[in-house]
C-alpha atoms as a PDB file:
ATOM      1  CA  UNK A   1     -31.724   7.580  37.459  1.00  0.00           C
ATOM      2  CA  UNK A   2     -34.964   5.661  37.774  1.00  0.00           C
ATOM      3  CA  UNK A   3     -36.627   2.667  35.760  1.00  0.00           C
ATOM      4  CA  UNK A   4     -35.046   0.106  33.826  1.00  0.00           C
ATOM      5  CA  UNK A   5     -32.631   0.740  31.005  1.00  0.00           C
ATOM      6  CA  UNK A   6     -33.196  -0.900  27.699  1.00  0.00           C
ATOM      7  CA  UNK A   7     -30.507  -1.109  25.078  1.00  0.00           C
ATOM      8  CA  UNK A   8     -33.077  -0.709  22.380  1.00  0.00           C
ATOM      9  CA  UNK A   9     -33.449   3.122  23.747  1.00  0.00           C
ATOM     10  CA  UNK A  10     -29.850   3.797  23.341  1.00  0.00           C
ATOM     11  CA  UNK A  11     -28.543   6.527  21.145  1.00  0.00           C
ATOM     12  CA  UNK A  12     -27.721   5.348  17.685  1.00  0.00           C
ATOM     13  CA  UNK A  13     -24.051   5.860  18.267  1.00  0.00           C
ATOM     14  CA  UNK A  14     -23.743   5.277  22.117  1.00  0.00           C
ATOM     15  CA  UNK A  15     -19.830   5.680  22.520  1.00  0.00           C
ATOM     16  CA  UNK A  16     -19.792   8.087  25.297  1.00  0.00           C
ATOM     17  CA  UNK A  17     -16.002   8.827  25.516  1.00  0.00           C
ATOM     18  CA  UNK A  18     -14.538  11.510  23.638  1.00  0.00           C
ATOM     19  CA  UNK A  19     -13.722  10.061  20.276  1.00  0.00           C
ATOM     20  CA  UNK A  20     -10.917  12.592  19.183  1.00  0.00           C
ATOM     21  CA  UNK A  21      -8.092  14.940  20.747  1.00  0.00           C
ATOM     22  CA  UNK A  22      -4.851  13.880  22.066  1.00  0.00           C
ATOM     23  CA  UNK A  23      -6.121  12.969  25.512  1.00  0.00           C
ATOM     24  CA  UNK A  24      -8.373  10.166  24.014  1.00  0.00           C
ATOM     25  CA  UNK A  25      -5.443   9.231  21.580  1.00  0.00           C
ATOM     26  CA  UNK A  26      -3.255   8.604  24.644  1.00  0.00           C
ATOM     27  CA  UNK A  27      -5.879   6.795  26.480  1.00  0.00           C
ATOM     28  CA  UNK A  28      -6.512   4.240  23.483  1.00  0.00           C
ATOM     29  CA  UNK A  29      -2.624   3.985  23.124  1.00  0.00           C
ATOM     30  CA  UNK A  30      -2.277   2.718  26.506  1.00  0.00           C
ATOM     31  CA  UNK A  31      -5.195   0.353  26.161  1.00  0.00           C
ATOM     32  CA  UNK A  32      -3.549  -0.966  22.949  1.00  0.00           C
ATOM     33  CA  UNK A  33      -0.230  -1.397  24.814  1.00  0.00           C
ATOM     34  CA  UNK A  34      -1.837  -3.400  27.622  1.00  0.00           C
ATOM     35  CA  UNK A  35      -4.270  -5.519  25.803  1.00  0.00           C
ATOM     36  CA  UNK A  36      -2.275  -6.052  22.391  1.00  0.00           C
ATOM     37  CA  UNK A  37      -0.430  -9.055  23.872  1.00  0.00           C
ATOM     38  CA  UNK A  38      -3.654 -11.026  24.975  1.00  0.00           C
ATOM     39  CA  UNK A  39      -5.492 -10.166  21.673  1.00  0.00           C
ATOM     40  CA  UNK A  40      -2.476 -11.248  19.525  1.00  0.00           C
ATOM     41  CA  UNK A  41      -2.238 -14.396  21.301  1.00  0.00           C
ATOM     42  CA  UNK A  42      -5.906 -14.988  20.837  1.00  0.00           C
ATOM     43  CA  UNK A  43      -5.655 -14.324  17.108  1.00  0.00           C
ATOM     44  CA  UNK A  44      -2.633 -16.713  16.859  1.00  0.00           C
ATOM     45  CA  UNK A  45      -4.822 -19.320  18.717  1.00  0.00           C
ATOM     46  CA  UNK A  46      -7.479 -18.680  16.099  1.00  0.00           C
ATOM     47  CA  UNK A  47      -5.181 -19.499  13.227  1.00  0.00           C
ATOM     48  CA  UNK A  48      -3.957 -16.154  11.913  1.00  0.00           C
ATOM     49  CA  UNK A  49      -1.258 -16.648   9.360  1.00  0.00           C
ATOM     50  CA  UNK A  50       0.071 -15.636   6.119  1.00  0.00           C
ATOM     51  CA  UNK A  51      -2.594 -15.339   3.119  1.00  0.00           C
ATOM     52  CA  UNK A  52      -5.909 -14.619   5.039  1.00  0.00           C
ATOM     53  CA  UNK A  53      -8.094 -11.798   4.527  1.00  0.00           C
ATOM     54  CA  UNK A  54      -8.803  -9.924   7.782  1.00  0.00           C
ATOM     55  CA  UNK A  55     -11.513  -7.428   8.854  1.00  0.00           C
ATOM     56  CA  UNK A  56     -10.938  -5.474  12.104  1.00  0.00           C
ATOM     57  CA  UNK A  57     -13.800  -3.530  13.660  1.00  0.00           C
ATOM     58  CA  UNK A  58     -13.271  -0.437  15.971  1.00  0.00           C
ATOM     59  CA  UNK A  59      -9.439  -0.315  14.993  1.00  0.00           C
ATOM     60  CA  UNK A  60      -8.766   2.705  17.196  1.00  0.00           C
ATOM     61  CA  UNK A  61      -5.167   3.595  16.970  1.00  0.00           C
ATOM     62  CA  UNK A  62      -4.565   0.790  14.547  1.00  0.00           C
ATOM     63  CA  UNK A  63      -1.933  -1.536  16.500  1.00  0.00           C
ATOM     64  CA  UNK A  64      -3.801  -4.833  15.926  1.00  0.00           C
ATOM     65  CA  UNK A  65      -4.736  -4.079  12.212  1.00  0.00           C
ATOM     66  CA  UNK A  66      -1.128  -3.315  11.493  1.00  0.00           C
ATOM     67  CA  UNK A  67       0.262  -6.254  13.354  1.00  0.00           C
ATOM     68  CA  UNK A  68      -2.214  -8.475  11.377  1.00  0.00           C
ATOM     69  CA  UNK A  69      -0.960  -7.048   8.109  1.00  0.00           C
ATOM     70  CA  UNK A  70       2.474  -8.053   8.997  1.00  0.00           C
ATOM     71  CA  UNK A  71       1.355 -11.572   9.882  1.00  0.00           C
ATOM     72  CA  UNK A  72      -0.642 -12.128   6.598  1.00  0.00           C
ATOM     73  CA  UNK A  73       1.862 -10.900   4.467  1.00  0.00           C
ATOM     74  CA  UNK A  74       1.817  -9.854   0.817  1.00  0.00           C
ATOM     75  CA  UNK A  75      -0.601 -12.588  -0.150  1.00  0.00           C
ATOM     76  CA  UNK A  76      -3.133 -11.551   2.534  1.00  0.00           C
ATOM     77  CA  UNK A  77      -5.109  -8.412   3.235  1.00  0.00           C
ATOM     78  CA  UNK A  78      -6.331  -6.578   6.415  1.00  0.00           C
ATOM     79  CA  UNK A  79      -9.393  -4.130   6.299  1.00  0.00           C
ATOM     80  CA  UNK A  80      -9.316  -1.790   9.464  1.00  0.00           C
ATOM     81  CA  UNK A  81     -12.519   0.116  10.157  1.00  0.00           C
ATOM     82  CA  UNK A  82     -13.670   2.588  12.720  1.00  0.00           C
ATOM     83  CA  UNK A  83     -16.519   5.047  13.046  1.00  0.00           C
ATOM     84  CA  UNK A  84     -13.854   7.740  13.366  1.00  0.00           C
ATOM     85  CA  UNK A  85     -10.727   7.643  11.480  1.00  0.00           C
ATOM     86  CA  UNK A  86      -8.818  10.226  13.308  1.00  0.00           C
ATOM     87  CA  UNK A  87      -6.235   7.949  14.872  1.00  0.00           C
ATOM     88  CA  UNK A  88      -5.776   5.887  11.742  1.00  0.00           C
ATOM     89  CA  UNK A  89      -4.477   8.530   9.328  1.00  0.00           C
ATOM     90  CA  UNK A  90      -0.827   7.233   9.785  1.00  0.00           C
ATOM     91  CA  UNK A  91      -1.658   3.603   9.257  1.00  0.00           C
ATOM     92  CA  UNK A  92       0.351   2.558   6.235  1.00  0.00           C
ATOM     93  CA  UNK A  93       0.950  -0.757   4.875  1.00  0.00           C
ATOM     94  CA  UNK A  94       0.718  -2.038   1.059  1.00  0.00           C
ATOM     95  CA  UNK A  95      -1.668  -4.892   2.169  1.00  0.00           C
ATOM     96  CA  UNK A  96      -3.874  -2.976   4.700  1.00  0.00           C
ATOM     97  CA  UNK A  97      -7.009  -0.728   3.684  1.00  0.00           C
ATOM     98  CA  UNK A  98      -8.701   2.034   6.122  1.00  0.00           C
ATOM     99  CA  UNK A  99     -12.520   2.381   5.719  1.00  0.00           C
ATOM    100  CA  UNK A 100     -14.965   4.430   7.815  1.00  0.00           C
ATOM    101  CA  UNK A 101     -17.603   1.934   9.154  1.00  0.00           C
ATOM    102  CA  UNK A 102     -20.599   2.151  11.647  1.00  0.00           C
ATOM    103  CA  UNK A 103     -21.127  -1.427  12.362  1.00  0.00           C
ATOM    104  CA  UNK A 104     -24.589  -0.656  13.603  1.00  0.00           C
ATOM    105  CA  UNK A 105     -25.825   0.717  10.003  1.00  0.00           C
ATOM    106  CA  UNK A 106     -23.244  -0.135   7.359  1.00  0.00           C
ATOM    107  CA  UNK A 107     -23.312  -3.382   5.400  1.00  0.00           C
ATOM    108  CA  UNK A 108     -20.667  -5.878   5.705  1.00  0.00           C
ATOM    109  CA  UNK A 109     -19.716  -8.220   2.865  1.00  0.00           C
ATOM    110  CA  UNK A 110     -21.156 -11.773   3.310  1.00  0.00           C
ATOM    111  CA  UNK A 111     -18.612 -14.593   3.153  1.00  0.00           C
ATOM    112  CA  UNK A 112     -15.786 -12.425   2.651  1.00  0.00           C
ATOM    113  CA  UNK A 113     -13.156 -12.808   5.444  1.00  0.00           C
ATOM    114  CA  UNK A 114     -11.117 -15.647   6.635  1.00  0.00           C
ATOM    115  CA  UNK A 115     -10.857 -13.707  10.147  1.00  0.00           C
ATOM    116  CA  UNK A 116     -12.898 -10.803  11.753  1.00  0.00           C
ATOM    117  CA  UNK A 117     -12.106  -9.336  15.193  1.00  0.00           C
ATOM    118  CA  UNK A 118     -12.829  -6.616  17.507  1.00  0.00           C
ATOM    119  CA  UNK A 119     -11.946  -5.338  20.888  1.00  0.00           C
ATOM    120  CA  UNK A 120     -13.365  -3.193  23.517  1.00  0.00           C
ATOM    121  CA  UNK A 121     -16.172  -2.478  21.098  1.00  0.00           C
ATOM    122  CA  UNK A 122     -19.267  -4.444  21.614  1.00  0.00           C
ATOM    123  CA  UNK A 123     -19.817  -3.494  25.142  1.00  0.00           C
ATOM    124  CA  UNK A 124     -20.429  -0.066  24.042  1.00  0.00           C
ATOM    125  CA  UNK A 125     -23.224  -0.924  21.504  1.00  0.00           C
ATOM    126  CA  UNK A 126     -27.047  -1.765  21.694  1.00  0.00           C
ATOM    127  CA  UNK A 127     -27.754  -5.461  21.004  1.00  0.00           C
ATOM    128  CA  UNK A 128     -24.217  -6.993  20.632  1.00  0.00           C
ATOM    129  CA  UNK A 129     -25.925 -10.082  19.822  1.00  0.00           C
ATOM    130  CA  UNK A 130     -27.264  -8.860  16.520  1.00  0.00           C
ATOM    131  CA  UNK A 131     -23.731  -7.420  15.822  1.00  0.00           C
ATOM    132  CA  UNK A 132     -22.070 -10.596  16.249  1.00  0.00           C
ATOM    133  CA  UNK A 133     -24.732 -12.434  13.895  1.00  0.00           C
ATOM    134  CA  UNK A 134     -23.502  -9.808  11.400  1.00  0.00           C
ATOM    135  CA  UNK A 135     -19.978 -10.357  11.730  1.00  0.00           C
ATOM    136  CA  UNK A 136     -20.210 -14.319  11.835  1.00  0.00           C
ATOM    137  CA  UNK A 137     -22.220 -13.806   8.456  1.00  0.00           C
ATOM    138  CA  UNK A 138     -19.130 -11.983   7.033  1.00  0.00           C
ATOM    139  CA  UNK A 139     -16.768 -15.010   7.526  1.00  0.00           C
ATOM    140  CA  UNK A 140     -15.823 -17.372   4.824  1.00  0.00           C
ATOM    141  CA  UNK A 141     -16.297 -21.062   5.585  1.00  0.00           C
ATOM    142  CA  UNK A 142     -14.105 -22.231   8.285  1.00  0.00           C
ATOM    143  CA  UNK A 143     -13.399 -18.712   9.203  1.00  0.00           C
ATOM    144  CA  UNK A 144     -12.769 -17.232  12.655  1.00  0.00           C
ATOM    145  CA  UNK A 145     -14.165 -14.547  14.936  1.00  0.00           C
ATOM    146  CA  UNK A 146     -11.938 -13.433  17.706  1.00  0.00           C
ATOM    147  CA  UNK A 147     -13.769 -11.041  20.424  1.00  0.00           C
ATOM    148  CA  UNK A 148     -12.246  -9.409  23.297  1.00  0.00           C
ATOM    149  CA  UNK A 149     -14.318  -7.636  26.029  1.00  0.00           C
ATOM    150  CA  UNK A 150     -14.151  -6.318  29.536  1.00  0.00           C
ATOM    151  CA  UNK A 151     -16.098  -7.969  32.490  1.00  0.00           C
ATOM    152  CA  UNK A 152     -16.212  -6.599  35.807  1.00  0.00           C
ATOM    153  CA  UNK A 153     -18.821  -9.043  36.887  1.00  0.00           C
ATOM    154  CA  UNK A 154     -16.575 -11.474  38.710  1.00  0.00           C
ATOM    155  CA  UNK A 155     -13.287  -9.551  38.544  1.00  0.00           C
ATOM    156  CA  UNK A 156     -13.411  -6.890  41.213  1.00  0.00           C
ATOM    157  CA  UNK A 157     -11.184  -7.493  44.133  1.00  0.00           C
ATOM    158  CA  UNK A 158     -10.442  -4.976  46.776  1.00  0.00           C
ATOM    159  CA  UNK A 159     -11.789  -3.448  49.899  1.00  0.00           C
ATOM    160  CA  UNK A 160     -15.487  -2.041  50.592  1.00  0.00           C
ATOM    161  CA  UNK A 161     -14.819   1.285  48.911  1.00  0.00           C
ATOM    162  CA  UNK A 162     -13.219  -0.168  45.819  1.00  0.00           C
ATOM    163  CA  UNK A 163     -16.317  -2.429  45.475  1.00  0.00           C
ATOM    164  CA  UNK A 164     -18.789   0.550  45.919  1.00  0.00           C
ATOM    165  CA  UNK A 165     -16.750   2.496  43.379  1.00  0.00           C
ATOM    166  CA  UNK A 166     -16.904  -0.133  40.424  1.00  0.00           C
ATOM    167  CA  UNK A 167     -20.462  -1.220  41.232  1.00  0.00           C
ATOM    168  CA  UNK A 168     -21.493   2.365  40.719  1.00  0.00           C
ATOM    169  CA  UNK A 169     -19.385   2.571  37.572  1.00  0.00           C
ATOM    170  CA  UNK A 170     -21.410  -0.569  36.311  1.00  0.00           C
ATOM    171  CA  UNK A 171     -24.798   1.115  36.943  1.00  0.00           C
ATOM    172  CA  UNK A 172     -23.545   4.289  35.427  1.00  0.00           C
ATOM    173  CA  UNK A 173     -22.576   2.476  32.453  1.00  0.00           C
ATOM    174  CA  UNK A 174     -25.865   0.564  32.139  1.00  0.00           C
ATOM    175  CA  UNK A 175     -27.711   3.730  32.019  1.00  0.00           C
ATOM    176  CA  UNK A 176     -25.310   5.233  29.364  1.00  0.00           C
ATOM    177  CA  UNK A 177     -25.801   1.999  27.260  1.00  0.00           C
ATOM    178  CA  UNK A 178     -22.491   0.432  28.205  1.00  0.00           C
ATOM    179  CA  UNK A 179     -22.276  -3.341  29.407  1.00  0.00           C
ATOM    180  CA  UNK A 180     -19.096  -3.528  31.456  1.00  0.00           C
ATOM    181  CA  UNK A 181     -20.250  -7.013  32.103  1.00  0.00           C
ATOM    182  CA  UNK A 182     -20.245  -8.288  28.824  1.00  0.00           C
ATOM    183  CA  UNK A 183     -17.450 -10.494  28.618  1.00  0.00           C
ATOM    184  CA  UNK A 184     -18.758 -13.524  30.395  1.00  0.00           C
ATOM    185  CA  UNK A 185     -21.988 -13.435  27.912  1.00  0.00           C
ATOM    186  CA  UNK A 186     -19.726 -13.846  24.948  1.00  0.00           C
ATOM    187  CA  UNK A 187     -19.498 -17.651  24.450  1.00  0.00           C
ATOM    188  CA  UNK A 188     -23.346 -17.832  24.618  1.00  0.00           C
ATOM    189  CA  UNK A 189     -23.582 -15.015  22.047  1.00  0.00           C
ATOM    190  CA  UNK A 190     -20.853 -16.524  19.830  1.00  0.00           C
ATOM    191  CA  UNK A 191     -22.839 -19.979  19.888  1.00  0.00           C
ATOM    192  CA  UNK A 192     -26.163 -18.118  19.194  1.00  0.00           C
ATOM    193  CA  UNK A 193     -24.755 -16.880  16.143  1.00  0.00           C
ATOM    194  CA  UNK A 194     -24.127 -20.117  14.655  1.00  0.00           C
ATOM    195  CA  UNK A 195     -20.284 -20.561  15.380  1.00  0.00           C
ATOM    196  CA  UNK A 196     -18.637 -23.296  16.862  1.00  0.00           C
ATOM    197  CA  UNK A 197     -16.958 -22.130  20.128  1.00  0.00           C
ATOM    198  CA  UNK A 198     -13.466 -22.487  20.446  1.00  0.00           C
ATOM    199  CA  UNK A 199     -10.890 -21.118  22.987  1.00  0.00           C
ATOM    200  CA  UNK A 200     -12.477 -18.831  25.819  1.00  0.00           C
ATOM    201  CA  UNK A 201      -9.984 -17.211  28.451  1.00  0.00           C
ATOM    202  CA  UNK A 202     -10.017 -14.386  30.905  1.00  0.00           C
ATOM    203  CA  UNK A 203      -7.123 -12.471  32.030  1.00  0.00           C
ATOM    204  CA  UNK A 204      -7.381 -10.274  35.334  1.00  0.00           C
ATOM    205  CA  UNK A 205      -4.692  -7.630  35.550  1.00  0.00           C
ATOM    206  CA  UNK A 206      -4.032  -6.243  38.996  1.00  0.00           C
ATOM    207  CA  UNK A 207      -3.177  -2.681  39.363  1.00  0.00           C
ATOM    208  CA  UNK A 208      -2.173  -0.005  42.062  1.00  0.00           C
ATOM    209  CA  UNK A 209      -1.488   3.722  42.053  1.00  0.00           C
ATOM    210  CA  UNK A 210       1.183   4.602  39.291  1.00  0.00           C
ATOM    211  CA  UNK A 211       0.977   1.469  37.568  1.00  0.00           C
ATOM    212  CA  UNK A 212       0.059   1.295  33.690  1.00  0.00           C
ATOM    213  CA  UNK A 213      -3.346  -0.463  34.326  1.00  0.00           C
ATOM    214  CA  UNK A 214      -4.076   2.171  37.185  1.00  0.00           C
ATOM    215  CA  UNK A 215      -3.492   4.944  34.705  1.00  0.00           C
ATOM    216  CA  UNK A 216      -5.654   3.429  32.102  1.00  0.00           C
ATOM    217  CA  UNK A 217      -8.424   3.188  34.535  1.00  0.00           C
ATOM    218  CA  UNK A 218      -7.764   6.481  35.879  1.00  0.00           C
ATOM    219  CA  UNK A 219      -7.775   8.186  32.403  1.00  0.00           C
ATOM    220  CA  UNK A 220     -10.997   6.288  31.426  1.00  0.00           C
ATOM    221  CA  UNK A 221     -13.011   7.449  34.427  1.00  0.00           C
ATOM    222  CA  UNK A 222     -11.747  10.856  33.477  1.00  0.00           C
ATOM    223  CA  UNK A 223     -12.865  10.374  29.943  1.00  0.00           C
ATOM    224  CA  UNK A 224     -16.490   9.362  31.105  1.00  0.00           C
ATOM    225  CA  UNK A 225     -17.292  13.041  31.678  1.00  0.00           C
ATOM    226  CA  UNK A 226     -19.455  14.820  34.283  1.00  0.00           C
ATOM    227  CA  UNK A 227     -22.291  12.535  33.911  1.00  0.00           C
ATOM    228  CA  UNK A 228     -20.549  10.028  36.185  1.00  0.00           C
ATOM    229  CA  UNK A 229     -20.472  12.400  39.026  1.00  0.00           C
ATOM    230  CA  UNK A 230     -24.405  11.763  39.983  1.00  0.00           C
ATOM    231  CA  UNK A 231     -23.368   7.912  40.357  1.00  0.00           C
ATOM    232  CA  UNK A 232     -19.918   8.124  42.238  1.00  0.00           C
ATOM    233  CA  UNK A 233     -19.631  11.809  43.556  1.00  0.00           C
ATOM    234  CA  UNK A 234     -18.698  15.298  42.643  1.00  0.00           C
ATOM    235  CA  UNK A 235     -14.996  14.327  41.734  1.00  0.00           C
ATOM    236  CA  UNK A 236     -14.865  10.696  40.309  1.00  0.00           C
ATOM    237  CA  UNK A 237     -11.421  10.926  39.261  1.00  0.00           C
ATOM    238  CA  UNK A 238     -10.172  12.108  42.835  1.00  0.00           C
ATOM    239  CA  UNK A 239     -12.427   9.110  44.351  1.00  0.00           C
ATOM    240  CA  UNK A 240     -10.564   6.789  42.027  1.00  0.00           C
ATOM    241  CA  UNK A 241      -7.228   8.266  42.957  1.00  0.00           C
ATOM    242  CA  UNK A 242      -8.010   7.765  46.655  1.00  0.00           C
ATOM    243  CA  UNK A 243      -8.505   4.194  46.065  1.00  0.00           C
ATOM    244  CA  UNK A 244      -5.061   3.780  44.268  1.00  0.00           C
ATOM    245  CA  UNK A 245      -2.855   5.876  46.550  1.00  0.00           C
ATOM    246  CA  UNK A 246       0.856   4.616  45.942  1.00  0.00           C
ATOM    247  CA  UNK A 247       0.917   2.660  49.124  1.00  0.00           C
ATOM    248  CA  UNK A 248      -2.232   0.760  48.443  1.00  0.00           C
ATOM    249  CA  UNK A 249      -2.386  -3.045  47.883  1.00  0.00           C
ATOM    250  CA  UNK A 250      -2.903  -4.319  44.398  1.00  0.00           C
ATOM    251  CA  UNK A 251      -6.341  -4.662  43.180  1.00  0.00           C
ATOM    252  CA  UNK A 252      -8.411  -5.502  40.177  1.00  0.00           C
ATOM    253  CA  UNK A 253     -11.665  -4.515  38.690  1.00  0.00           C
ATOM    254  CA  UNK A 254     -12.057  -5.949  35.245  1.00  0.00           C
ATOM    255  CA  UNK A 255     -11.271  -9.178  33.502  1.00  0.00           C
ATOM    256  CA  UNK A 256     -10.602  -9.148  29.916  1.00  0.00           C
ATOM    257  CA  UNK A 257     -12.510 -12.234  27.933  1.00  0.00           C
ATOM    258  CA  UNK A 258     -11.435 -13.381  24.670  1.00  0.00           C
ATOM    259  CA  UNK A 259     -13.592 -15.728  22.735  1.00  0.00           C
ATOM    260  CA  UNK A 260     -12.952 -17.454  19.333  1.00  0.00           C
ATOM    261  CA  UNK A 261     -15.709 -18.771  17.253  1.00  0.00           C
ATOM    262  CA  UNK A 262     -15.563 -20.898  14.000  1.00  0.00           C
ATOM    263  CA  UNK A 263     -17.833 -20.888  10.928  1.00  0.00           C
ATOM    264  CA  UNK A 264     -18.710 -24.270   9.798  1.00  0.00           C
ATOM    265  CA  UNK A 265     -16.422 -25.874   7.162  1.00  0.00           C
ATOM    266  CA  UNK A 266     -18.140 -25.690   3.767  1.00  0.00           C
ATOM    267  CA  UNK A 267     -21.043 -23.624   4.709  1.00  0.00           C
ATOM    268  CA  UNK A 268     -21.327 -19.899   5.603  1.00  0.00           C
ATOM    269  CA  UNK A 269     -22.386 -19.135   9.229  1.00  0.00           C
ATOM    270  CA  UNK A 270     -26.037 -19.033  10.048  1.00  0.00           C
ATOM    271  CA  UNK A 271     -27.728 -18.489  13.250  1.00  0.00           C
ATOM    272  CA  UNK A 272     -28.190 -21.360  15.510  1.00  0.00           C
ATOM    273  CA  UNK A 273     -31.628 -22.818  15.745  1.00  0.00           C
END
């Protein structure tokens, strides 16, 4: 691919992975199992408690939305949203609603939520800065925004082949409209949305062949489809498996960054000037 990629030229719905089917459900369930603990810690640190009204964007298989509904109790409410509700049909809680929503085009109610969160969503979207601004405006006074996104910029640790593989992966992502190095940019984006910056953390999981994180990344490489071949080689899955043989040393490729931002008390969130 030649020329610079501009996110404004991305497709309206740039999610390039398969968004339905058992294989994708399994991948998203594994992602949830591995990232839910850090996400839950960030939500607790942000003040999740009984009685809050919460919104989750890109709810996937619904594990975080269901957990939040348990935390806010009968006096609170959780709205779980996704552009595709295929994996949310079994989500049942008396204080939980499910709605189809495209965060790029659909309206969000202003000043309606005590807590808004999303995970592994923004790096798929063109102009995540504008999306975060819209999420900030959906917060009530003193409301909290909790974001969790990957970052492969400073977290790749392994041999030269491993470095080359994930560098090529990130270049492919850029061409497909995916910013796999978004995580470290989140604090600046949150501040520019007019929110007070709170906790910022990054967890960097190591993996090897046969480990849960290794299986998640293998399944994600497989889900990327044939377009990845021109960047990595004719069989990207086999290439990844060669790097994660059972006797290989533990390595890492992505850090997972969580950021908490809070709207000003007594005023709705506005863009920082």
